[in-house]
N, C-alpha and C. Protein backbone atom coordinates (compact mmCIF):
# COMPACT_ATOMS: atom_id res chain seq x y z
N UNK A 1 121.86 38.68 -70.46
CA UNK A 1 122.58 37.44 -70.79
C UNK A 1 123.79 37.77 -71.63
N UNK A 2 124.90 37.06 -71.38
CA UNK A 2 126.14 37.30 -72.15
C UNK A 2 126.10 36.40 -73.39
N UNK A 3 126.88 36.84 -74.42
CA UNK A 3 126.96 36.04 -75.64
C UNK A 3 127.94 34.89 -75.41
N UNK A 4 127.91 33.86 -76.29
CA UNK A 4 128.80 32.69 -76.16
C UNK A 4 130.24 33.05 -76.45
N UNK A 5 130.43 34.09 -77.23
CA UNK A 5 131.79 34.46 -77.57
C UNK A 5 132.54 35.02 -76.39
N UNK A 6 131.82 35.37 -75.40
CA UNK A 6 132.45 35.83 -74.20
C UNK A 6 132.76 37.32 -74.27
N UNK A 7 132.24 37.98 -75.25
CA UNK A 7 132.47 39.39 -75.29
C UNK A 7 131.78 40.10 -74.12
N UNK A 8 132.39 41.15 -73.74
CA UNK A 8 131.87 41.77 -72.55
C UNK A 8 130.66 42.64 -72.78
N UNK A 9 130.48 43.16 -73.90
CA UNK A 9 129.35 44.10 -74.03
C UNK A 9 128.25 43.53 -74.85
N UNK A 10 127.79 42.42 -74.49
CA UNK A 10 126.74 41.75 -75.26
C UNK A 10 125.44 42.54 -75.34
N UNK A 11 124.79 42.25 -76.36
CA UNK A 11 123.47 42.93 -76.53
C UNK A 11 122.46 42.27 -75.62
N UNK A 12 121.75 43.10 -75.16
CA UNK A 12 120.68 42.55 -74.31
C UNK A 12 119.42 42.37 -75.12
N UNK A 13 118.72 41.35 -74.84
CA UNK A 13 117.52 41.05 -75.59
C UNK A 13 116.31 41.41 -74.76
N UNK A 14 115.53 42.25 -75.27
CA UNK A 14 114.29 42.61 -74.58
C UNK A 14 113.12 42.07 -75.40
N UNK A 15 112.33 41.27 -74.79
CA UNK A 15 111.16 40.76 -75.54
C UNK A 15 110.17 41.92 -75.79
N UNK A 16 109.43 41.80 -76.84
CA UNK A 16 108.45 42.88 -77.13
C UNK A 16 107.40 42.93 -76.04
N UNK A 17 106.97 44.16 -75.73
CA UNK A 17 105.93 44.24 -74.66
C UNK A 17 104.69 43.53 -75.09
N UNK A 18 104.06 42.96 -74.08
CA UNK A 18 102.83 42.23 -74.44
C UNK A 18 101.73 43.19 -74.93
N UNK A 19 101.00 42.77 -75.87
CA UNK A 19 99.91 43.58 -76.41
C UNK A 19 98.62 43.12 -75.76
N UNK A 20 97.83 44.09 -75.48
CA UNK A 20 96.51 43.76 -74.92
C UNK A 20 95.46 43.91 -76.00
N UNK A 21 94.64 42.99 -76.00
CA UNK A 21 93.51 43.07 -76.93
C UNK A 21 92.38 43.69 -76.20
N UNK A 22 92.05 44.92 -76.55
CA UNK A 22 90.93 45.61 -75.95
C UNK A 22 89.64 45.11 -76.59
N UNK A 23 88.65 44.81 -75.76
CA UNK A 23 87.41 44.37 -76.37
C UNK A 23 86.73 45.54 -77.10
N UNK A 24 86.26 45.26 -78.24
CA UNK A 24 85.57 46.26 -79.01
C UNK A 24 84.14 46.34 -78.57
N UNK A 25 83.72 47.57 -78.17
CA UNK A 25 82.35 47.70 -77.70
C UNK A 25 81.50 48.24 -78.82
N UNK A 26 80.42 47.59 -79.00
CA UNK A 26 79.47 48.00 -80.03
C UNK A 26 78.27 48.63 -79.32
N UNK A 27 77.95 49.87 -79.65
CA UNK A 27 76.76 50.49 -79.04
C UNK A 27 75.54 49.96 -79.79
N UNK A 28 74.50 49.67 -79.02
CA UNK A 28 73.30 49.17 -79.68
C UNK A 28 72.71 50.24 -80.54
N UNK A 29 72.03 49.85 -81.56
CA UNK A 29 71.40 50.87 -82.45
C UNK A 29 70.40 51.69 -81.67
N UNK A 30 70.29 52.96 -81.98
CA UNK A 30 69.35 53.81 -81.21
C UNK A 30 67.91 53.33 -81.38
N UNK A 31 67.27 53.36 -80.25
CA UNK A 31 65.86 52.88 -80.28
C UNK A 31 64.97 53.95 -80.87
N UNK A 32 64.02 53.51 -81.62
CA UNK A 32 63.04 54.46 -82.13
C UNK A 32 62.00 54.71 -81.07
N UNK A 33 61.75 55.99 -80.84
CA UNK A 33 60.76 56.31 -79.82
C UNK A 33 59.38 56.06 -80.40
N UNK A 34 58.62 55.36 -79.61
CA UNK A 34 57.28 55.07 -80.05
C UNK A 34 56.35 56.23 -79.69
N UNK A 35 55.28 56.32 -80.39
CA UNK A 35 54.28 57.34 -80.08
C UNK A 35 53.72 57.17 -78.69
N UNK A 36 53.69 55.93 -78.26
CA UNK A 36 53.12 55.67 -76.93
C UNK A 36 53.98 56.26 -75.83
N UNK A 37 55.30 56.09 -75.95
CA UNK A 37 56.18 56.64 -74.90
C UNK A 37 56.15 58.15 -74.92
N UNK A 38 56.06 58.79 -76.11
CA UNK A 38 55.97 60.26 -76.16
C UNK A 38 54.66 60.73 -75.51
N UNK A 39 53.58 60.05 -75.81
CA UNK A 39 52.31 60.42 -75.20
C UNK A 39 52.35 60.26 -73.68
N UNK A 40 53.00 59.19 -73.21
CA UNK A 40 53.10 58.99 -71.77
C UNK A 40 53.88 60.10 -71.10
N UNK A 41 54.98 60.54 -71.76
CA UNK A 41 55.77 61.62 -71.21
C UNK A 41 54.96 62.93 -71.19
N UNK A 42 54.25 63.23 -72.26
CA UNK A 42 53.47 64.46 -72.31
C UNK A 42 52.37 64.39 -71.21
N UNK A 43 51.74 63.23 -71.10
CA UNK A 43 50.70 63.08 -70.10
C UNK A 43 51.27 63.26 -68.69
N UNK A 44 52.43 62.67 -68.43
CA UNK A 44 53.04 62.81 -67.09
C UNK A 44 53.40 64.26 -66.81
N UNK A 45 53.94 64.95 -67.82
CA UNK A 45 54.27 66.37 -67.61
C UNK A 45 53.04 67.23 -67.31
N UNK A 46 51.99 66.99 -68.08
CA UNK A 46 50.74 67.74 -67.90
C UNK A 46 50.15 67.43 -66.50
N UNK A 47 50.19 66.18 -66.12
CA UNK A 47 49.68 65.78 -64.83
C UNK A 47 50.46 66.46 -63.70
N UNK A 48 51.77 66.50 -63.81
CA UNK A 48 52.62 67.14 -62.80
C UNK A 48 52.34 68.66 -62.71
N UNK A 49 52.19 69.29 -63.86
CA UNK A 49 51.89 70.74 -63.87
C UNK A 49 50.53 71.00 -63.25
N UNK A 50 49.57 70.19 -63.61
CA UNK A 50 48.22 70.35 -63.07
C UNK A 50 48.19 70.11 -61.56
N UNK A 51 48.92 69.10 -61.11
CA UNK A 51 48.97 68.82 -59.67
C UNK A 51 49.65 69.98 -58.91
N UNK A 52 50.75 70.52 -59.50
CA UNK A 52 51.42 71.64 -58.87
C UNK A 52 50.51 72.88 -58.80
N UNK A 53 49.75 73.09 -59.85
CA UNK A 53 48.82 74.21 -59.88
C UNK A 53 47.72 74.06 -58.86
N UNK A 54 47.17 72.88 -58.73
CA UNK A 54 46.12 72.61 -57.71
C UNK A 54 46.68 72.83 -56.31
N UNK A 55 47.87 72.36 -56.07
CA UNK A 55 48.50 72.54 -54.74
C UNK A 55 48.72 74.01 -54.45
N UNK A 56 49.22 74.77 -55.49
CA UNK A 56 49.47 76.21 -55.28
C UNK A 56 48.15 76.94 -55.00
N UNK A 57 47.09 76.63 -55.76
CA UNK A 57 45.82 77.32 -55.54
C UNK A 57 45.27 76.96 -54.15
N UNK A 58 45.38 75.69 -53.79
CA UNK A 58 44.90 75.25 -52.48
C UNK A 58 45.65 75.95 -51.35
N UNK A 59 46.97 76.08 -51.51
CA UNK A 59 47.75 76.77 -50.46
C UNK A 59 47.38 78.25 -50.39
N UNK A 60 47.15 78.88 -51.54
CA UNK A 60 46.77 80.30 -51.55
C UNK A 60 45.41 80.49 -50.87
N UNK A 61 44.44 79.65 -51.23
CA UNK A 61 43.12 79.76 -50.65
C UNK A 61 43.17 79.51 -49.13
N UNK A 62 43.97 78.54 -48.73
CA UNK A 62 44.10 78.25 -47.29
C UNK A 62 44.71 79.44 -46.55
N UNK A 63 45.75 80.06 -47.11
CA UNK A 63 46.35 81.19 -46.45
C UNK A 63 45.37 82.36 -46.40
N UNK A 64 44.68 82.62 -47.49
CA UNK A 64 43.68 83.72 -47.47
C UNK A 64 42.59 83.47 -46.45
N UNK A 65 42.13 82.21 -46.38
CA UNK A 65 41.08 81.86 -45.40
C UNK A 65 41.60 82.10 -43.94
N UNK A 66 42.80 81.69 -43.67
CA UNK A 66 43.34 81.89 -42.34
C UNK A 66 43.55 83.37 -42.00
N UNK A 67 43.92 84.15 -42.97
CA UNK A 67 44.21 85.55 -42.72
C UNK A 67 42.93 86.36 -42.61
N UNK A 68 41.97 86.14 -43.54
CA UNK A 68 40.79 87.03 -43.63
C UNK A 68 39.56 86.46 -42.94
N UNK A 69 39.46 85.18 -42.70
CA UNK A 69 38.28 84.54 -42.09
C UNK A 69 36.98 85.00 -42.79
N UNK A 70 36.82 84.69 -44.07
CA UNK A 70 35.65 85.21 -44.81
C UNK A 70 34.33 84.61 -44.32
N UNK A 71 33.31 85.50 -44.33
CA UNK A 71 31.96 85.07 -43.96
C UNK A 71 31.01 85.57 -45.06
N UNK A 72 29.93 84.86 -45.27
CA UNK A 72 28.97 85.23 -46.32
C UNK A 72 28.14 86.41 -45.86
N UNK A 73 28.01 87.46 -46.71
CA UNK A 73 27.14 88.60 -46.34
C UNK A 73 25.72 88.12 -46.20
N UNK A 74 24.93 88.87 -45.38
CA UNK A 74 23.54 88.52 -45.17
C UNK A 74 22.65 89.62 -45.76
N UNK A 75 21.57 89.19 -46.37
CA UNK A 75 20.62 90.15 -46.99
C UNK A 75 19.23 89.85 -46.50
N UNK A 76 18.44 90.91 -46.30
CA UNK A 76 17.06 90.73 -45.91
C UNK A 76 16.21 91.81 -46.54
N UNK A 77 14.97 91.46 -46.80
CA UNK A 77 14.01 92.41 -47.35
C UNK A 77 13.20 92.92 -46.14
N UNK A 78 13.37 94.21 -45.85
CA UNK A 78 12.72 94.80 -44.68
C UNK A 78 11.24 95.14 -45.01
N UNK A 79 11.04 95.84 -46.09
CA UNK A 79 9.66 96.22 -46.47
C UNK A 79 9.54 96.13 -47.98
N UNK A 80 8.32 95.90 -48.40
CA UNK A 80 7.96 95.93 -49.82
C UNK A 80 6.63 96.68 -49.90
N UNK A 81 6.72 97.90 -50.43
CA UNK A 81 5.48 98.72 -50.55
C UNK A 81 5.02 98.70 -51.99
N UNK A 82 3.74 98.45 -52.14
CA UNK A 82 3.13 98.49 -53.48
C UNK A 82 2.56 99.89 -53.66
N UNK A 83 3.23 100.68 -54.48
CA UNK A 83 2.78 102.05 -54.69
C UNK A 83 1.83 102.16 -55.86
N UNK A 84 1.85 101.20 -56.77
CA UNK A 84 0.90 101.19 -57.90
C UNK A 84 0.67 99.75 -58.31
N UNK A 85 -0.60 99.40 -58.47
CA UNK A 85 -0.97 98.05 -58.95
C UNK A 85 -2.34 98.17 -59.58
N UNK A 86 -2.35 98.48 -60.89
CA UNK A 86 -3.62 98.83 -61.54
C UNK A 86 -3.66 98.23 -62.93
N UNK A 87 -4.88 97.88 -63.35
CA UNK A 87 -5.07 97.42 -64.70
C UNK A 87 -5.51 98.56 -65.58
N UNK A 88 -5.08 98.50 -66.81
CA UNK A 88 -5.45 99.54 -67.78
C UNK A 88 -6.61 99.11 -68.64
N UNK A 89 -7.11 100.04 -69.46
CA UNK A 89 -8.26 99.72 -70.33
C UNK A 89 -7.88 98.73 -71.40
N UNK A 90 -6.57 98.65 -71.72
CA UNK A 90 -6.14 97.71 -72.76
C UNK A 90 -5.81 96.32 -72.22
N UNK A 91 -6.13 96.05 -70.94
CA UNK A 91 -5.89 94.73 -70.35
C UNK A 91 -4.49 94.57 -69.76
N UNK A 92 -3.74 95.64 -69.73
CA UNK A 92 -2.40 95.56 -69.15
C UNK A 92 -2.43 95.80 -67.64
N UNK A 93 -1.39 95.35 -66.96
CA UNK A 93 -1.28 95.54 -65.53
C UNK A 93 0.03 96.28 -65.25
N UNK A 94 -0.11 97.41 -64.57
CA UNK A 94 1.08 98.24 -64.19
C UNK A 94 1.36 98.04 -62.73
N UNK A 95 2.62 97.80 -62.39
CA UNK A 95 3.01 97.56 -61.02
C UNK A 95 4.23 98.38 -60.69
N UNK A 96 4.22 99.02 -59.51
CA UNK A 96 5.38 99.75 -59.00
C UNK A 96 5.55 99.39 -57.52
N UNK A 97 6.72 98.84 -57.21
CA UNK A 97 7.03 98.45 -55.84
C UNK A 97 8.19 99.28 -55.35
N UNK A 98 8.26 99.51 -54.04
CA UNK A 98 9.45 100.07 -53.39
C UNK A 98 9.95 99.06 -52.38
N UNK A 99 11.17 98.57 -52.61
CA UNK A 99 11.73 97.49 -51.79
C UNK A 99 12.89 98.06 -50.95
N UNK A 100 12.83 97.84 -49.66
CA UNK A 100 13.96 98.19 -48.79
C UNK A 100 14.73 96.91 -48.47
N UNK A 101 16.02 96.93 -48.84
CA UNK A 101 16.90 95.77 -48.64
C UNK A 101 18.01 96.14 -47.66
N UNK A 102 18.25 95.29 -46.69
CA UNK A 102 19.36 95.49 -45.77
C UNK A 102 20.45 94.50 -46.11
N UNK A 103 21.67 95.03 -46.34
CA UNK A 103 22.85 94.21 -46.63
C UNK A 103 23.79 94.35 -45.45
N UNK A 104 24.16 93.21 -44.87
CA UNK A 104 25.08 93.22 -43.72
C UNK A 104 26.36 92.48 -44.06
N UNK A 105 27.50 93.18 -43.96
CA UNK A 105 28.79 92.57 -44.22
C UNK A 105 29.47 92.29 -42.85
N UNK A 106 29.52 91.00 -42.43
CA UNK A 106 30.07 90.68 -41.10
C UNK A 106 31.59 90.53 -41.06
N UNK A 107 32.26 90.72 -42.21
CA UNK A 107 33.69 90.46 -42.27
C UNK A 107 34.52 91.60 -41.64
N UNK A 108 35.64 91.25 -41.04
CA UNK A 108 36.51 92.20 -40.39
C UNK A 108 37.45 92.90 -41.38
N UNK A 109 37.89 92.18 -42.41
CA UNK A 109 38.91 92.73 -43.31
C UNK A 109 38.49 92.66 -44.76
N UNK A 110 37.23 92.42 -45.04
CA UNK A 110 36.75 92.28 -46.43
C UNK A 110 35.69 93.31 -46.73
N UNK A 111 35.89 94.11 -47.79
CA UNK A 111 34.88 95.06 -48.26
C UNK A 111 34.26 94.53 -49.57
N UNK A 112 33.09 95.08 -49.89
CA UNK A 112 32.37 94.64 -51.10
C UNK A 112 31.99 95.83 -51.94
N UNK A 113 32.37 95.79 -53.22
CA UNK A 113 31.94 96.79 -54.19
C UNK A 113 30.74 96.22 -54.93
N UNK A 114 29.60 96.89 -54.85
CA UNK A 114 28.42 96.54 -55.62
C UNK A 114 28.50 97.31 -56.92
N UNK A 115 28.56 96.62 -58.05
CA UNK A 115 28.81 97.24 -59.35
C UNK A 115 27.50 97.48 -60.11
N UNK A 116 27.62 98.25 -61.18
CA UNK A 116 26.48 98.49 -62.06
C UNK A 116 26.10 97.22 -62.84
N UNK A 117 24.94 97.23 -63.39
CA UNK A 117 24.49 96.10 -64.16
C UNK A 117 23.69 95.09 -63.34
N UNK A 118 23.25 95.48 -62.14
CA UNK A 118 22.50 94.56 -61.30
C UNK A 118 21.01 94.56 -61.76
N UNK A 119 20.28 93.57 -61.32
CA UNK A 119 18.87 93.50 -61.58
C UNK A 119 18.15 92.88 -60.40
N UNK A 120 17.00 93.44 -60.08
CA UNK A 120 16.13 92.89 -59.07
C UNK A 120 14.70 92.82 -59.68
N UNK A 121 14.05 91.69 -59.61
CA UNK A 121 12.78 91.53 -60.27
C UNK A 121 11.79 90.84 -59.34
N UNK A 122 10.51 91.22 -59.48
CA UNK A 122 9.42 90.66 -58.68
C UNK A 122 8.54 89.80 -59.60
N UNK A 123 8.30 88.58 -59.14
CA UNK A 123 7.53 87.62 -59.94
C UNK A 123 6.33 87.11 -59.16
N UNK A 124 5.24 86.88 -59.87
CA UNK A 124 4.09 86.19 -59.32
C UNK A 124 3.94 84.93 -60.17
N UNK A 125 4.13 83.78 -59.55
CA UNK A 125 4.14 82.48 -60.24
C UNK A 125 5.22 82.59 -61.36
N UNK A 126 4.88 82.48 -62.61
CA UNK A 126 5.89 82.54 -63.69
C UNK A 126 5.82 83.86 -64.44
N UNK A 127 5.18 84.87 -63.90
CA UNK A 127 5.00 86.14 -64.60
C UNK A 127 5.84 87.22 -63.96
N UNK A 128 6.64 87.90 -64.74
CA UNK A 128 7.43 89.04 -64.31
C UNK A 128 6.52 90.23 -64.16
N UNK A 129 6.44 90.77 -62.92
CA UNK A 129 5.60 91.91 -62.65
C UNK A 129 6.34 93.23 -62.83
N UNK A 130 7.53 93.36 -62.24
CA UNK A 130 8.31 94.60 -62.35
C UNK A 130 9.75 94.32 -62.00
N UNK A 131 10.62 95.25 -62.36
CA UNK A 131 12.04 95.07 -62.12
C UNK A 131 12.75 96.43 -61.93
N UNK A 132 13.92 96.37 -61.35
CA UNK A 132 14.73 97.54 -61.09
C UNK A 132 16.19 97.12 -60.91
N UNK A 133 16.99 98.04 -60.38
CA UNK A 133 18.41 97.78 -60.19
C UNK A 133 18.91 98.36 -58.90
N UNK A 134 19.85 97.72 -58.27
CA UNK A 134 20.46 98.26 -57.06
C UNK A 134 21.45 99.33 -57.46
N UNK A 135 21.64 100.34 -56.62
CA UNK A 135 22.64 101.35 -56.91
C UNK A 135 24.07 100.83 -56.71
N UNK A 136 25.02 101.50 -57.34
CA UNK A 136 26.40 101.15 -57.12
C UNK A 136 26.87 101.77 -55.81
N UNK A 137 27.54 100.97 -54.97
CA UNK A 137 28.11 101.49 -53.72
C UNK A 137 29.16 100.54 -53.18
N UNK A 138 29.95 101.05 -52.26
CA UNK A 138 30.97 100.26 -51.58
C UNK A 138 30.49 100.00 -50.13
N UNK A 139 30.57 98.76 -49.72
CA UNK A 139 30.22 98.40 -48.34
C UNK A 139 31.49 97.96 -47.60
N UNK A 140 31.90 98.74 -46.63
CA UNK A 140 33.08 98.43 -45.87
C UNK A 140 32.89 97.26 -44.93
N UNK A 141 33.96 96.88 -44.22
CA UNK A 141 33.91 95.75 -43.32
C UNK A 141 33.08 96.13 -42.07
N UNK A 142 32.44 95.11 -41.52
CA UNK A 142 31.54 95.27 -40.37
C UNK A 142 30.55 96.42 -40.62
N UNK A 143 29.81 96.35 -41.74
CA UNK A 143 28.95 97.44 -42.13
C UNK A 143 27.58 96.91 -42.45
N UNK A 144 26.53 97.69 -42.12
CA UNK A 144 25.16 97.38 -42.50
C UNK A 144 24.62 98.54 -43.30
N UNK A 145 24.14 98.23 -44.49
CA UNK A 145 23.66 99.25 -45.42
C UNK A 145 22.23 98.95 -45.80
N UNK A 146 21.38 99.97 -45.76
CA UNK A 146 19.98 99.82 -46.18
C UNK A 146 19.81 100.54 -47.53
N UNK A 147 19.28 99.79 -48.51
CA UNK A 147 19.15 100.35 -49.88
C UNK A 147 17.68 100.26 -50.26
N UNK A 148 17.18 101.37 -50.86
CA UNK A 148 15.79 101.34 -51.37
C UNK A 148 15.86 101.22 -52.87
N UNK A 149 15.11 100.20 -53.38
CA UNK A 149 15.13 99.91 -54.81
C UNK A 149 13.72 100.02 -55.37
N UNK A 150 13.50 100.95 -56.31
CA UNK A 150 12.16 101.01 -56.95
C UNK A 150 12.09 99.98 -58.09
N UNK A 151 10.96 99.31 -58.14
CA UNK A 151 10.70 98.31 -59.20
C UNK A 151 9.49 98.77 -59.99
N UNK A 152 9.61 98.81 -61.29
CA UNK A 152 8.43 99.18 -62.13
C UNK A 152 8.32 98.20 -63.28
N UNK A 153 7.08 98.08 -63.77
CA UNK A 153 6.87 97.17 -64.91
C UNK A 153 5.42 97.15 -65.34
N UNK A 154 5.22 96.65 -66.57
CA UNK A 154 3.90 96.53 -67.12
C UNK A 154 3.77 95.15 -67.75
N UNK A 155 2.66 94.49 -67.47
CA UNK A 155 2.38 93.16 -68.04
C UNK A 155 1.22 93.32 -69.03
N UNK A 156 1.44 92.93 -70.25
CA UNK A 156 0.35 93.01 -71.26
C UNK A 156 -0.54 91.78 -71.19
N UNK A 157 -1.75 91.92 -71.66
CA UNK A 157 -2.78 90.86 -71.64
C UNK A 157 -2.83 90.19 -70.26
N UNK A 158 -3.08 91.01 -69.26
CA UNK A 158 -3.00 90.53 -67.87
C UNK A 158 -4.35 90.38 -67.20
N UNK A 159 -5.42 90.26 -67.97
CA UNK A 159 -6.74 90.14 -67.35
C UNK A 159 -6.83 88.85 -66.46
N UNK A 160 -6.33 87.74 -66.97
CA UNK A 160 -6.38 86.48 -66.22
C UNK A 160 -5.41 86.54 -65.04
N UNK A 161 -4.28 87.20 -65.21
CA UNK A 161 -3.30 87.36 -64.11
C UNK A 161 -3.90 88.17 -62.98
N UNK A 162 -4.57 89.30 -63.31
CA UNK A 162 -5.18 90.14 -62.28
C UNK A 162 -6.26 89.42 -61.54
N UNK A 163 -7.07 88.61 -62.26
CA UNK A 163 -8.12 87.80 -61.61
C UNK A 163 -7.50 86.76 -60.70
N UNK A 164 -6.39 86.12 -61.10
CA UNK A 164 -5.72 85.10 -60.27
C UNK A 164 -5.17 85.74 -59.00
N UNK A 165 -4.55 86.92 -59.12
CA UNK A 165 -4.00 87.60 -57.94
C UNK A 165 -5.10 88.00 -56.98
N UNK A 166 -6.23 88.47 -57.53
CA UNK A 166 -7.36 88.87 -56.68
C UNK A 166 -7.95 87.68 -55.97
N UNK A 167 -8.09 86.58 -56.66
CA UNK A 167 -8.62 85.34 -55.98
C UNK A 167 -7.67 84.85 -54.87
N UNK A 168 -6.36 84.92 -55.16
CA UNK A 168 -5.38 84.48 -54.16
C UNK A 168 -5.47 85.37 -52.92
N UNK A 169 -5.63 86.66 -53.12
CA UNK A 169 -5.68 87.61 -52.02
C UNK A 169 -6.95 87.42 -51.17
N UNK A 170 -8.08 87.17 -51.85
CA UNK A 170 -9.33 86.97 -51.14
C UNK A 170 -9.35 85.63 -50.38
N UNK A 171 -8.72 84.63 -50.93
CA UNK A 171 -8.71 83.30 -50.34
C UNK A 171 -7.77 83.19 -49.14
N UNK A 172 -6.54 83.75 -49.25
CA UNK A 172 -5.54 83.54 -48.18
C UNK A 172 -5.18 84.84 -47.46
N UNK A 173 -5.54 85.96 -47.99
CA UNK A 173 -5.20 87.22 -47.36
C UNK A 173 -3.84 87.73 -47.72
N UNK A 174 -3.09 87.03 -48.54
CA UNK A 174 -1.80 87.50 -49.02
C UNK A 174 -1.50 87.03 -50.44
N UNK A 175 -0.52 87.65 -51.04
CA UNK A 175 -0.10 87.29 -52.42
C UNK A 175 1.37 86.90 -52.36
N UNK A 176 1.70 85.66 -52.67
CA UNK A 176 3.11 85.27 -52.65
C UNK A 176 3.87 85.80 -53.87
N UNK A 177 4.93 86.51 -53.56
CA UNK A 177 5.81 87.05 -54.64
C UNK A 177 7.20 86.46 -54.44
N UNK A 178 7.90 86.36 -55.55
CA UNK A 178 9.30 85.92 -55.51
C UNK A 178 10.14 87.05 -56.03
N UNK A 179 11.22 87.40 -55.27
CA UNK A 179 12.16 88.44 -55.70
C UNK A 179 13.44 87.76 -56.10
N UNK A 180 13.86 88.01 -57.33
CA UNK A 180 15.13 87.47 -57.82
C UNK A 180 16.11 88.62 -58.00
N UNK A 181 17.32 88.39 -57.47
CA UNK A 181 18.34 89.43 -57.60
C UNK A 181 19.61 88.87 -58.23
N UNK A 182 20.24 89.70 -59.07
CA UNK A 182 21.51 89.37 -59.68
C UNK A 182 22.39 90.58 -59.56
N UNK A 183 23.42 90.51 -58.78
CA UNK A 183 24.23 91.68 -58.47
C UNK A 183 25.72 91.37 -58.68
N UNK A 184 26.35 92.00 -59.66
CA UNK A 184 27.84 91.80 -59.81
C UNK A 184 28.56 92.55 -58.72
N UNK A 185 29.55 91.92 -58.17
CA UNK A 185 30.33 92.54 -57.08
C UNK A 185 31.82 92.32 -57.30
N UNK A 186 32.64 93.10 -56.62
CA UNK A 186 34.07 92.88 -56.45
C UNK A 186 34.37 92.82 -55.01
N UNK A 187 35.21 91.88 -54.60
CA UNK A 187 35.54 91.74 -53.21
C UNK A 187 36.92 92.38 -52.99
N UNK A 188 37.04 93.11 -51.89
CA UNK A 188 38.30 93.79 -51.55
C UNK A 188 38.87 93.11 -50.32
N UNK A 189 40.04 92.48 -50.52
CA UNK A 189 40.75 91.82 -49.43
C UNK A 189 41.92 92.73 -49.02
N UNK A 190 41.75 93.44 -47.91
CA UNK A 190 42.76 94.44 -47.55
C UNK A 190 42.81 95.51 -48.60
N UNK A 191 43.94 95.60 -49.34
CA UNK A 191 44.04 96.58 -50.42
C UNK A 191 43.93 95.92 -51.77
N UNK A 192 43.75 94.64 -51.82
CA UNK A 192 43.66 93.86 -53.04
C UNK A 192 42.21 93.70 -53.50
N UNK A 193 41.92 94.16 -54.75
CA UNK A 193 40.58 93.99 -55.32
C UNK A 193 40.58 92.72 -56.17
N UNK A 194 39.64 91.85 -55.94
CA UNK A 194 39.54 90.62 -56.74
C UNK A 194 38.67 90.89 -57.99
N UNK A 195 38.60 89.90 -58.84
CA UNK A 195 37.86 90.05 -60.08
C UNK A 195 36.36 90.14 -59.81
N UNK A 196 35.60 90.58 -60.81
CA UNK A 196 34.14 90.73 -60.75
C UNK A 196 33.53 89.36 -60.53
């Protein structure tokens, strides 16, 4: 715009630029974490870890099962010879048995290590007559092994026990015995030995 005086070089008037009012943002005060939310987070983390672990173990067992096709070994008692069964003057009963056990491993890729510390015991009703141990040995895949185990023992104050066994034998013609075995083993999957 020109001035009224008609001068040629009038000053130009520029209005001040408009100012914008920026809204002021207020951040809400930080929330206090409650014990309940912390516990929920810990619980969720533990649950996820446990679930992942179960899935990993399941996948490993499934893969091993598909690769090795494991089968349960079979055991049988072939013979049990009583080499000594006598009462002493002090009322004790001495027993010595010889037990032949056949162990059959039907697996194609799995071997079995029979470790020391095993026990095999012969019982009549609730009385331990004699006991022994299996030898340490390795049984390869598709293998049948026959093991002879001697069992020896002495029962004190066995007068009533000897009379009960004799009555059972006279009445039925046989004496029922129970053999209990506890054998620590290690399984060999290919070249990998598992825990005891």
